[in-house]
Amino acid sequence: MQTIVYILPELFLSAAIMFLLMLGVFIKKSFKLVSLLTILSLVFAIALILNQPNEIIKIFNESYIIDRLSIFMKVLTLSFCCFVLLSSKDYVKSNNIDKIEYPIIILASTLGMILMIGAYDLIIFYLGLELQSLCLYILASFKREDEKSTEAGLKYFVLSALASGLLLYGCSLIYGFTGSTNFEIISANLDEANMGAVFGIVFIIVGLAFKVSAVPFHMWTPDVYEGSPTSVTSFFALVPKIAALSVFIRFMYVPFINVISQWQSIIIFLSIASMILGAVAAIGQSNIKRLMAYSSIGHMGYALAGIAAGTNSGIQSTIIYLVIYLVMNLGAFGCIFMMKRENIFYEDINELSGLSKNHPMLALSFLIILFSLAGIPPLAGFFAKFYVFMAVIEVKMYALAVIGLVTTVVSAFYYLRIIKIIYFDKPKRPFAKSYDWGLKISLILSSILVLIYFIYPSILVDAVSSILIY
């Protein structure tokens, strides 16, 4: 009975998914009701998670863990899932993807992420991963009559299935050479002489790098971001990243911590390659969703730099970076959802030409978010990079810090180019006025948080400082 109390959020979300499916079948035109109940289910699940005890609890033969990292990341996942659903209501309706399956599949995908975050065993982790991935395949191709959406879903399915296969092969090697799927037993049985298990670690890192779209496993990201409906793209850019980075941290610092010398250089390479490609490849993009894809690749490079540091302060800097990245991206996609004329949503960056003349408040939001993404002080994006670079410099990885700084300067170019188009180019026809309050609240909230973060930056540092992995 005590065990059931600890997994109440997961049980509640499972029950909510089944109930909403039944509701959607028996009540016609129930999309609004299902969407509302999905958001309420997410909020209630957050309340259940926050009610969990603030101590380390391992259940199901130590295969599932409840600790500060899992609680923090689960709350983050569910919160941003709520914001994505709220901010994309108008888009979903305008593009005729307001089917009851849409919020339910998002809820099922989120349940998979929750399982991944709490997993303390390779089998539980893989079950969560597959539940998340199967839902994401469907979401990417949800706009069935659109060729781009179908292509995006197929590309993501083929490449993600390959990555999942490699990851599963890595898990099987780890099990074969350590005799267990439990993280703690793997850690106890793993040493640098166990070369078979080290090969397994490489395959697992490849699979996880695909999930966070780190170079050279990023190839799906620009096409899937561009081809998927924008509401799905915003979900891709925000929520799965939380689960994937949580798993990255958990894997590297629990089962594989004894062989840090074997995997640290791989993470450093992924980090450097992602930062460089994210900075350079976005320069020539004209589609704002493709630009956000390359921006996301670059930002994951900075987040991985914190993991590569191999210290608790490195983990904490990565989590802080992730939170600020999520707030900035929520604001960026909020701005993209505002690019609408005559029921058509535009994605070309040139459509923002002279935006400040017709929509000064939207232009100001764009300005704040883009300056923050570029890492310009005193906005939140600057502090995110500052914490990561400090953690990297602490362990004397000066080359990684220098490359990070150089790529920050290079990437500033394409963010500033959009600001130049918004404020200095000849204005085009104004966008339609938005009456979507969920979108407005998300955009205003993210812009304000990014802008005023410097007043009290220790609020996030204090929240994350209690998260210790080892």
Protein backbone atom coordinates (compact mmCIF):
# COMPACT_ATOMS: atom_id res chain seq x y z
CA MET A 1 0.00 0.00 0.00
CA GLN A 2 2.85 2.37 0.84
CA THR A 3 4.37 1.73 -2.61
CA ILE A 4 1.13 2.78 -4.33
CA VAL A 5 1.27 6.14 -2.49
CA TYR A 6 4.71 6.80 -4.00
CA ILE A 7 3.54 6.16 -7.58
CA LEU A 8 0.20 7.99 -7.30
CA PRO A 9 1.16 10.64 -9.95
CA GLU A 10 1.99 7.92 -12.51
CA LEU A 11 -1.17 5.91 -11.67
CA PHE A 12 -3.31 9.04 -11.86
CA LEU A 13 -1.91 10.02 -15.29
CA SER A 14 -2.49 6.46 -16.59
CA ALA A 15 -6.10 6.54 -15.35
CA ALA A 16 -6.59 10.04 -16.82
CA ILE A 17 -5.40 8.86 -20.26
CA MET A 18 -7.87 5.94 -20.28
CA PHE A 19 -10.73 8.05 -18.96
CA LEU A 20 -10.16 10.82 -21.54
CA LEU A 21 -10.05 8.28 -24.38
CA MET A 22 -13.44 6.93 -23.28
CA LEU A 23 -14.83 10.44 -22.85
CA GLY A 24 -13.64 11.50 -26.30
CA VAL A 25 -15.29 8.48 -27.94
CA PHE A 26 -18.70 8.87 -26.28
CA ILE A 27 -19.06 12.67 -26.36
CA LYS A 28 -19.02 14.23 -29.83
CA LYS A 29 -17.06 17.46 -30.44
CA SER A 30 -15.40 17.09 -27.06
CA PHE A 31 -11.97 18.50 -27.97
CA LYS A 32 -12.29 21.57 -25.72
CA LEU A 33 -13.44 19.46 -22.77
CA VAL A 34 -10.67 16.88 -23.29
CA SER A 35 -8.04 19.66 -23.57
CA LEU A 36 -9.28 21.32 -20.39
CA LEU A 37 -9.32 18.01 -18.49
CA THR A 38 -5.81 17.20 -19.80
CA ILE A 39 -4.47 20.48 -18.38
CA LEU A 40 -6.31 19.89 -15.08
CA SER A 41 -4.88 16.34 -14.95
CA LEU A 42 -1.36 17.73 -15.40
CA VAL A 43 -1.93 20.31 -12.64
CA PHE A 44 -3.30 17.65 -10.27
CA ALA A 45 -0.32 15.38 -11.05
CA ILE A 46 2.03 18.26 -10.16
CA ALA A 47 0.23 18.61 -6.80
CA LEU A 48 0.64 14.86 -6.17
CA ILE A 49 4.37 15.00 -6.99
CA LEU A 50 4.95 18.02 -4.73
CA ASN A 51 3.22 16.11 -1.94
CA GLN A 52 5.83 13.33 -2.09
CA PRO A 53 8.32 13.06 0.80
CA ASN A 54 11.56 15.04 0.46
CA GLU A 55 13.85 12.03 0.84
CA ILE A 56 15.37 9.29 -1.32
CA ILE A 57 12.90 6.42 -1.76
CA LYS A 58 13.51 3.36 -3.94
CA ILE A 59 10.59 1.09 -4.78
CA PHE A 60 9.88 -2.02 -6.89
CA ASN A 61 13.06 -3.81 -5.87
CA GLU A 62 15.04 -0.53 -6.21
CA SER A 63 14.10 -0.13 -9.89
CA TYR A 64 12.25 3.21 -9.45
CA ILE A 65 13.51 6.19 -7.46
CA ILE A 66 11.87 9.23 -5.90
CA ASP A 67 14.44 11.87 -4.96
CA ARG A 68 14.95 15.61 -5.34
CA LEU A 69 16.19 15.33 -8.93
CA SER A 70 13.19 13.26 -10.06
CA ILE A 71 10.65 15.45 -8.21
CA PHE A 72 12.15 18.67 -9.64
CA MET A 73 12.33 17.32 -13.21
CA LYS A 74 8.83 15.79 -13.10
CA VAL A 75 7.32 19.11 -11.95
CA LEU A 76 9.26 20.88 -14.73
CA THR A 77 8.01 18.38 -17.35
CA LEU A 78 4.35 18.63 -16.35
CA SER A 79 4.47 22.44 -15.97
CA PHE A 80 5.88 23.07 -19.43
CA CYS A 81 3.51 20.52 -20.94
CA CYS A 82 0.67 22.67 -19.52
CA PHE A 83 2.19 25.83 -21.02
CA VAL A 84 2.60 24.19 -24.44
CA LEU A 85 -1.07 23.14 -24.45
CA LEU A 86 -2.22 26.58 -23.29
CA SER A 87 -0.10 28.58 -25.73
CA SER A 88 -0.96 26.51 -28.82
CA LYS A 89 -4.80 26.39 -28.52
CA ASP A 90 -5.40 28.93 -31.30
CA TYR A 91 -2.88 27.26 -33.62
CA VAL A 92 -4.38 23.79 -33.08
CA LYS A 93 -7.89 25.07 -33.88
CA SER A 94 -6.81 27.09 -36.95
CA ASN A 95 -4.93 24.13 -38.45
CA ASN A 96 -7.75 21.62 -37.92
CA ILE A 97 -5.74 19.36 -35.66
CA ASP A 98 -8.20 19.86 -32.80
CA LYS A 99 -8.90 16.13 -32.53
CA ILE A 100 -9.41 14.48 -29.13
CA GLU A 101 -6.37 12.25 -29.73
CA TYR A 102 -4.03 15.26 -29.77
CA PRO A 103 -4.00 16.20 -26.03
CA ILE A 104 -4.30 12.52 -25.03
CA ILE A 105 -1.19 11.54 -27.02
CA ILE A 106 0.68 14.48 -25.45
CA LEU A 107 -0.43 13.22 -22.02
CA ALA A 108 0.71 9.66 -22.83
CA SER A 109 4.08 10.96 -24.05
CA THR A 110 4.44 12.96 -20.83
CA LEU A 111 3.73 9.82 -18.78
CA GLY A 112 6.59 8.10 -20.64
CA MET A 113 8.89 11.00 -19.72
CA ILE A 114 7.84 10.79 -16.05
CA LEU A 115 8.76 7.07 -16.05
CA MET A 116 12.14 7.86 -17.67
CA ILE A 117 12.94 10.50 -15.04
CA GLY A 118 12.17 8.16 -12.13
CA ALA A 119 13.79 5.07 -13.67
CA TYR A 120 16.55 3.43 -11.62
CA ASP A 121 16.71 0.33 -13.79
CA LEU A 122 17.46 -0.15 -17.51
CA ILE A 123 14.16 -1.95 -18.21
CA ILE A 124 11.94 0.72 -16.59
CA PHE A 125 13.94 3.43 -18.40
CA TYR A 126 13.46 1.73 -21.78
CA LEU A 127 9.72 1.24 -21.23
CA GLY A 128 9.35 4.96 -20.50
CA LEU A 129 11.49 5.87 -23.52
CA GLU A 130 9.39 3.78 -25.91
CA LEU A 131 6.11 5.16 -24.57
CA GLN A 132 7.44 8.69 -25.11
CA SER A 133 8.88 7.94 -28.56
CA LEU A 134 5.79 6.18 -29.99
CA CYS A 135 3.66 9.20 -29.06
CA LEU A 136 6.19 11.63 -30.57
CA TYR A 137 6.12 9.74 -33.92
CA ILE A 138 2.35 10.24 -34.07
CA LEU A 139 2.52 13.90 -33.03
CA ALA A 140 5.14 14.78 -35.68
CA SER A 141 2.87 13.47 -38.47
CA PHE A 142 -0.41 14.54 -36.87
CA LYS A 143 -1.31 16.90 -39.74
CA ARG A 144 -1.90 13.98 -42.10
CA GLU A 145 -2.92 15.95 -45.21
CA ASP A 146 0.32 17.99 -45.06
CA GLU A 147 3.26 16.39 -46.90
CA LYS A 148 5.85 18.10 -44.69
CA SER A 149 4.24 16.80 -41.52
CA THR A 150 4.04 13.24 -42.87
CA GLU A 151 7.68 13.45 -43.98
CA ALA A 152 8.72 14.79 -40.56
CA GLY A 153 6.95 11.92 -38.79
CA LEU A 154 8.53 9.31 -41.06
CA LYS A 155 12.04 10.79 -40.73
CA TYR A 156 11.75 10.96 -36.96
CA PHE A 157 10.36 7.42 -36.80
CA VAL A 158 13.16 5.87 -38.91
CA LEU A 159 16.02 7.70 -37.21
CA SER A 160 14.59 7.43 -33.70
CA ALA A 161 13.98 3.69 -34.14
CA LEU A 162 17.64 3.32 -35.13
CA ALA A 163 18.76 5.31 -32.07
CA SER A 164 16.46 3.28 -29.81
CA GLY A 165 17.94 0.08 -31.25
CA LEU A 166 21.48 1.25 -30.53
CA LEU A 167 20.45 2.28 -27.03
CA LEU A 168 18.82 -1.08 -26.38
CA TYR A 169 21.94 -2.85 -27.66
CA GLY A 170 24.00 -0.76 -25.22
CA CYS A 171 21.64 -1.73 -22.37
CA SER A 172 21.99 -5.42 -23.28
CA LEU A 173 25.81 -5.12 -23.27
CA ILE A 174 25.69 -3.44 -19.85
CA TYR A 175 23.43 -6.22 -18.53
CA GLY A 176 25.63 -8.93 -20.06
CA PHE A 177 28.90 -7.62 -18.62
CA THR A 178 27.66 -6.47 -15.18
CA GLY A 179 24.93 -9.06 -14.51
CA SER A 180 22.20 -6.59 -13.61
CA THR A 181 19.87 -3.89 -14.96
CA ASN A 182 19.78 -2.02 -11.63
CA PHE A 183 21.80 1.22 -11.63
CA GLU A 184 23.47 0.70 -8.23
CA ILE A 185 24.48 -2.90 -8.96
CA ILE A 186 25.82 -1.84 -12.36
CA SER A 187 27.89 0.86 -10.62
CA ALA A 188 29.29 -1.69 -8.14
CA ASN A 189 30.20 -4.20 -10.88
CA LEU A 190 31.58 -1.70 -13.40
CA ASP A 191 35.26 -0.78 -13.68
CA GLU A 192 37.59 0.41 -16.42
CA ALA A 193 38.86 -3.14 -17.09
CA ASN A 194 35.33 -4.16 -18.16
CA MET A 195 35.71 -3.17 -21.82
CA GLY A 196 32.47 -4.84 -22.96
CA ALA A 197 30.45 -2.67 -20.59
CA VAL A 198 32.38 0.42 -21.76
CA PHE A 199 31.22 -0.37 -25.33
CA GLY A 200 27.69 -0.55 -23.92
CA ILE A 201 28.12 2.93 -22.41
CA VAL A 202 29.11 4.30 -25.84
CA PHE A 203 25.94 2.88 -27.44
CA ILE A 204 23.79 4.31 -24.63
CA ILE A 205 25.38 7.76 -25.02
CA VAL A 206 24.69 7.61 -28.79
CA GLY A 207 21.00 6.87 -28.12
CA LEU A 208 20.69 9.62 -25.51
CA ALA A 209 22.57 12.12 -27.73
CA PHE A 210 19.94 11.50 -30.41
CA LYS A 211 17.15 12.26 -27.93
CA VAL A 212 18.70 15.63 -26.95
CA SER A 213 19.61 16.33 -30.63
CA ALA A 214 23.36 16.60 -29.97
CA VAL A 215 25.79 16.61 -32.92
CA PRO A 216 26.45 14.31 -34.82
CA PHE A 217 23.05 12.75 -34.00
CA HIS A 218 21.11 15.93 -34.75
CA MET A 219 20.20 15.24 -38.38
CA TRP A 220 16.48 14.79 -37.67
CA THR A 221 16.04 18.05 -35.77
CA PRO A 222 15.77 20.79 -38.49
CA ASP A 223 13.47 18.71 -40.74
CA VAL A 224 11.20 17.53 -37.91
CA TYR A 225 11.01 21.02 -36.36
CA GLU A 226 10.08 22.55 -39.73
CA GLY A 227 7.73 19.81 -40.93
CA SER A 228 5.76 19.18 -37.73
CA PRO A 229 2.82 21.44 -36.82
CA THR A 230 4.24 24.40 -34.84
CA SER A 231 2.35 23.33 -31.70
CA VAL A 232 4.13 19.96 -31.90
CA THR A 233 7.46 21.66 -32.63
CA SER A 234 7.10 23.71 -29.44
CA PHE A 235 6.43 20.46 -27.53
CA PHE A 236 9.50 18.83 -29.15
CA ALA A 237 11.68 21.84 -28.30
CA LEU A 238 10.66 21.94 -24.64
CA VAL A 239 9.32 18.85 -22.88
CA PRO A 240 11.32 15.81 -24.19
CA LYS A 241 14.57 17.71 -23.55
CA ILE A 242 13.82 17.69 -19.79
CA ALA A 243 13.44 13.90 -19.65
CA ALA A 244 16.43 13.24 -21.91
CA LEU A 245 18.79 15.48 -19.89
CA SER A 246 17.49 13.98 -16.60
CA VAL A 247 18.32 10.50 -17.91
CA PHE A 248 21.71 11.73 -19.16
CA ILE A 249 22.53 13.01 -15.65
CA ARG A 250 21.20 9.88 -13.94
CA PHE A 251 23.10 7.48 -16.23
CA MET A 252 26.41 9.31 -16.16
CA TYR A 253 26.47 9.92 -12.41
CA VAL A 254 24.97 6.71 -10.98
CA PRO A 255 25.78 3.51 -12.94
CA PHE A 256 28.70 4.97 -14.93
CA ILE A 257 30.36 7.27 -12.39
CA ASN A 258 33.22 4.80 -11.72
CA VAL A 259 34.31 4.94 -15.37
CA ILE A 260 34.07 8.72 -15.81
CA SER A 261 37.45 8.81 -17.56
CA GLN A 262 35.97 6.59 -20.31
CA TRP A 263 32.89 8.69 -21.12
CA GLN A 264 33.91 12.23 -20.17
CA SER A 265 35.80 12.87 -23.43
CA ILE A 266 32.76 11.66 -25.46
CA ILE A 267 30.46 14.15 -23.70
CA ILE A 268 33.04 16.93 -24.24
CA PHE A 269 33.11 16.11 -27.97
CA LEU A 270 29.28 16.11 -28.19
CA SER A 271 29.19 19.43 -26.35
CA ILE A 272 31.80 21.14 -28.55
CA ALA A 273 30.36 19.77 -31.82
CA SER A 274 26.81 20.84 -30.84
CA MET A 275 27.91 24.36 -29.84
CA ILE A 276 29.85 24.87 -33.09
CA LEU A 277 27.19 23.48 -35.45
CA GLY A 278 24.38 25.28 -33.59
CA ALA A 279 26.24 28.58 -33.98
CA VAL A 280 27.26 28.21 -37.63
CA ALA A 281 24.43 26.28 -39.32
CA ALA A 282 21.66 28.66 -38.19
CA ILE A 283 23.22 31.69 -39.91
CA GLY A 284 21.78 30.96 -43.37
CA GLN A 285 18.28 29.90 -42.26
CA SER A 286 15.21 31.78 -43.47
CA ASN A 287 12.60 29.57 -41.76
CA ILE A 288 12.26 30.53 -38.08
CA LYS A 289 11.45 26.95 -36.99
CA ARG A 290 14.64 25.61 -38.65
CA LEU A 291 16.55 28.41 -36.95
CA MET A 292 15.06 27.38 -33.59
CA ALA A 293 16.13 23.79 -34.34
CA TYR A 294 19.79 24.80 -34.79
CA SER A 295 19.48 27.11 -31.79
CA SER A 296 18.22 24.12 -29.76
CA ILE A 297 21.21 22.01 -30.91
CA GLY A 298 23.60 24.76 -29.76
CA HIS A 299 21.87 25.14 -26.39
CA MET A 300 22.02 21.40 -25.75
CA GLY A 301 25.79 21.70 -26.33
CA TYR A 302 26.04 24.19 -23.45
CA ALA A 303 23.88 21.96 -21.23
CA LEU A 304 26.11 18.93 -21.97
CA ALA A 305 29.18 20.99 -21.01
CA GLY A 306 27.89 21.04 -17.43
CA ILE A 307 27.48 17.24 -17.43
CA ALA A 308 30.99 16.85 -18.87
CA ALA A 309 32.44 18.71 -15.87
CA GLY A 310 31.90 15.58 -13.73
CA THR A 311 30.96 17.48 -10.54
CA ASN A 312 27.80 18.26 -8.59
CA SER A 313 28.16 21.94 -9.48
CA GLY A 314 28.30 20.86 -13.14
CA ILE A 315 25.00 18.95 -12.77
CA GLN A 316 23.39 21.90 -10.99
CA SER A 317 24.57 24.34 -13.69
CA THR A 318 23.06 22.05 -16.36
CA ILE A 319 19.70 21.97 -14.54
CA ILE A 320 19.72 25.78 -14.15
CA TYR A 321 20.60 26.11 -17.85
CA LEU A 322 17.75 23.78 -18.76
CA VAL A 323 15.16 25.75 -16.75
CA ILE A 324 16.21 29.09 -18.29
CA TYR A 325 16.37 27.51 -21.78
CA LEU A 326 12.78 26.25 -21.34
CA VAL A 327 11.48 29.68 -20.30
CA MET A 328 13.27 31.36 -23.25
CA ASN A 329 11.98 28.80 -25.77
CA LEU A 330 8.45 29.05 -24.41
CA GLY A 331 8.63 32.80 -25.11
CA ALA A 332 10.19 32.27 -28.56
CA PHE A 333 7.44 29.88 -29.66
CA GLY A 334 4.84 32.21 -28.13
CA CYS A 335 6.13 34.90 -30.51
CA ILE A 336 6.06 32.45 -33.45
CA PHE A 337 2.40 31.61 -32.67
CA MET A 338 1.63 35.34 -33.03
CA MET A 339 2.84 35.36 -36.69
CA LYS A 340 -0.65 34.96 -38.12
CA ARG A 341 -2.53 36.73 -40.92
CA GLU A 342 -5.96 35.73 -42.26
CA ASN A 343 -5.85 32.38 -40.46
CA ILE A 344 -2.43 31.50 -41.95
CA PHE A 345 0.59 31.07 -39.67
CA TYR A 346 3.82 32.34 -41.20
CA GLU A 347 7.29 30.87 -40.59
CA ASP A 348 9.53 33.00 -42.83
CA ILE A 349 11.81 35.32 -40.85
CA ASN A 350 11.29 38.08 -43.46
CA GLU A 351 7.60 38.22 -42.49
CA LEU A 352 8.79 39.90 -39.27
CA SER A 353 10.01 42.87 -41.31
CA GLY A 354 9.23 46.15 -39.49
CA LEU A 355 7.22 44.33 -36.80
CA SER A 356 8.01 47.06 -34.25
CA LYS A 357 5.93 49.61 -36.21
CA ASN A 358 2.71 47.55 -36.17
CA HIS A 359 3.13 45.41 -33.04
CA PRO A 360 5.48 47.20 -30.60
CA MET A 361 4.74 44.89 -27.64
CA LEU A 362 5.27 41.69 -29.67
CA ALA A 363 8.50 43.19 -31.06
CA LEU A 364 9.62 43.98 -27.49
CA SER A 365 8.95 40.36 -26.44
CA PHE A 366 10.95 39.13 -29.44
CA LEU A 367 13.77 41.51 -28.50
CA ILE A 368 13.94 40.30 -24.88
CA ILE A 369 13.78 36.59 -25.81
CA LEU A 370 16.33 36.83 -28.65
CA PHE A 371 18.81 38.90 -26.60
CA SER A 372 18.48 36.32 -23.83
CA LEU A 373 19.00 33.39 -26.25
CA ALA A 374 22.14 35.19 -27.44
CA GLY A 375 23.36 35.35 -23.81
CA ILE A 376 23.50 39.13 -23.51
CA PRO A 377 23.58 40.48 -19.91
CA PRO A 378 21.66 41.17 -17.71
CA LEU A 379 19.05 38.79 -19.15
CA ALA A 380 18.50 35.24 -17.88
CA GLY A 381 20.31 33.63 -20.84
CA PHE A 382 23.57 35.28 -19.76
CA PHE A 383 23.33 33.76 -16.26
CA ALA A 384 22.54 30.31 -17.72
CA LYS A 385 25.78 30.33 -19.72
CA PHE A 386 27.71 31.94 -16.84
CA TYR A 387 26.85 29.09 -14.43
CA VAL A 388 27.86 26.43 -16.98
CA PHE A 389 31.16 28.15 -17.83
CA MET A 390 31.97 28.58 -14.12
CA ALA A 391 31.41 24.84 -13.51
CA VAL A 392 33.62 23.99 -16.50
CA ILE A 393 36.40 26.40 -15.45
CA GLU A 394 36.34 24.97 -11.88
CA VAL A 395 37.58 21.64 -13.27
CA LYS A 396 40.15 23.39 -15.50
CA MET A 397 38.45 22.58 -18.83
CA TYR A 398 39.58 25.91 -20.26
CA ALA A 399 39.37 24.86 -23.93
CA LEU A 400 35.70 23.87 -23.55
CA ALA A 401 34.91 27.22 -21.88
CA VAL A 402 36.75 29.22 -24.59
CA ILE A 403 34.97 27.35 -27.42
CA GLY A 404 31.66 27.97 -25.61
CA LEU A 405 32.38 31.71 -25.42
CA VAL A 406 33.42 31.92 -29.09
CA THR A 407 30.30 30.05 -30.27
CA THR A 408 28.14 32.34 -28.09
CA VAL A 409 29.55 35.35 -29.97
CA VAL A 410 29.02 33.69 -33.37
CA SER A 411 25.44 32.61 -32.56
CA ALA A 412 24.61 36.16 -31.44
CA PHE A 413 24.76 37.13 -35.14
CA TYR A 414 21.62 35.27 -36.22
CA TYR A 415 19.63 36.39 -33.18
CA LEU A 416 20.63 40.02 -33.78
CA ARG A 417 19.78 39.66 -37.50
CA ILE A 418 16.15 38.92 -36.56
CA ILE A 419 16.11 41.97 -34.24
CA LYS A 420 17.47 44.08 -37.10
CA ILE A 421 14.66 42.82 -39.40
CA ILE A 422 12.04 43.55 -36.71
CA TYR A 423 13.22 47.07 -35.87
CA PHE A 424 14.94 48.48 -38.97
CA ASP A 425 13.38 46.91 -42.07
CA LYS A 426 10.39 48.21 -44.00
CA PRO A 427 7.12 47.11 -42.33
CA LYS A 428 4.84 44.53 -43.97
CA ARG A 429 1.13 44.02 -43.44
CA PRO A 430 0.34 43.73 -39.71
CA PHE A 431 -0.38 40.33 -38.16
CA ALA A 432 -3.88 39.53 -36.92
CA LYS A 433 -4.71 40.42 -33.34
CA SER A 434 -4.60 37.38 -31.06
CA TYR A 435 -7.40 36.73 -28.56
CA ASP A 436 -5.82 33.59 -27.13
CA TRP A 437 -5.30 34.34 -23.43
CA GLY A 438 -3.31 31.18 -22.81
CA LEU A 439 -0.80 32.28 -25.45
CA LYS A 440 -0.65 35.85 -24.11
CA ILE A 441 -0.10 34.70 -20.52
CA SER A 442 2.69 32.28 -21.58
CA LEU A 443 4.41 34.98 -23.65
CA ILE A 444 4.12 37.74 -21.04
CA LEU A 445 5.22 35.43 -18.21
CA SER A 446 8.30 34.12 -20.07
CA SER A 447 9.33 37.63 -21.21
CA ILE A 448 9.04 39.05 -17.69
CA LEU A 449 10.91 36.12 -16.09
CA VAL A 450 13.76 36.43 -18.59
CA LEU A 451 13.90 40.20 -18.07
CA ILE A 452 13.81 40.36 -14.25
CA TYR A 453 15.80 37.20 -13.45
CA PHE A 454 18.93 39.27 -12.67
CA ILE A 455 17.14 40.93 -9.72
CA TYR A 456 17.06 37.67 -7.74
CA PRO A 457 19.12 35.01 -9.56
CA SER A 458 19.75 33.00 -6.38
CA ILE A 459 16.10 31.79 -6.36
CA LEU A 460 16.91 29.17 -9.00
CA VAL A 461 20.36 28.42 -7.58
CA ASP A 462 18.80 27.74 -4.14
CA ALA A 463 16.13 25.50 -5.66
CA VAL A 464 18.72 23.42 -7.53
CA SER A 465 21.49 23.43 -4.88
CA SER A 466 19.80 20.62 -2.90
CA ILE A 467 19.97 18.28 -5.92
CA LEU A 468 22.97 16.03 -5.33
CA ILE A 469 23.60 12.85 -7.31
CA TYR A 470 26.67 11.50 -5.51
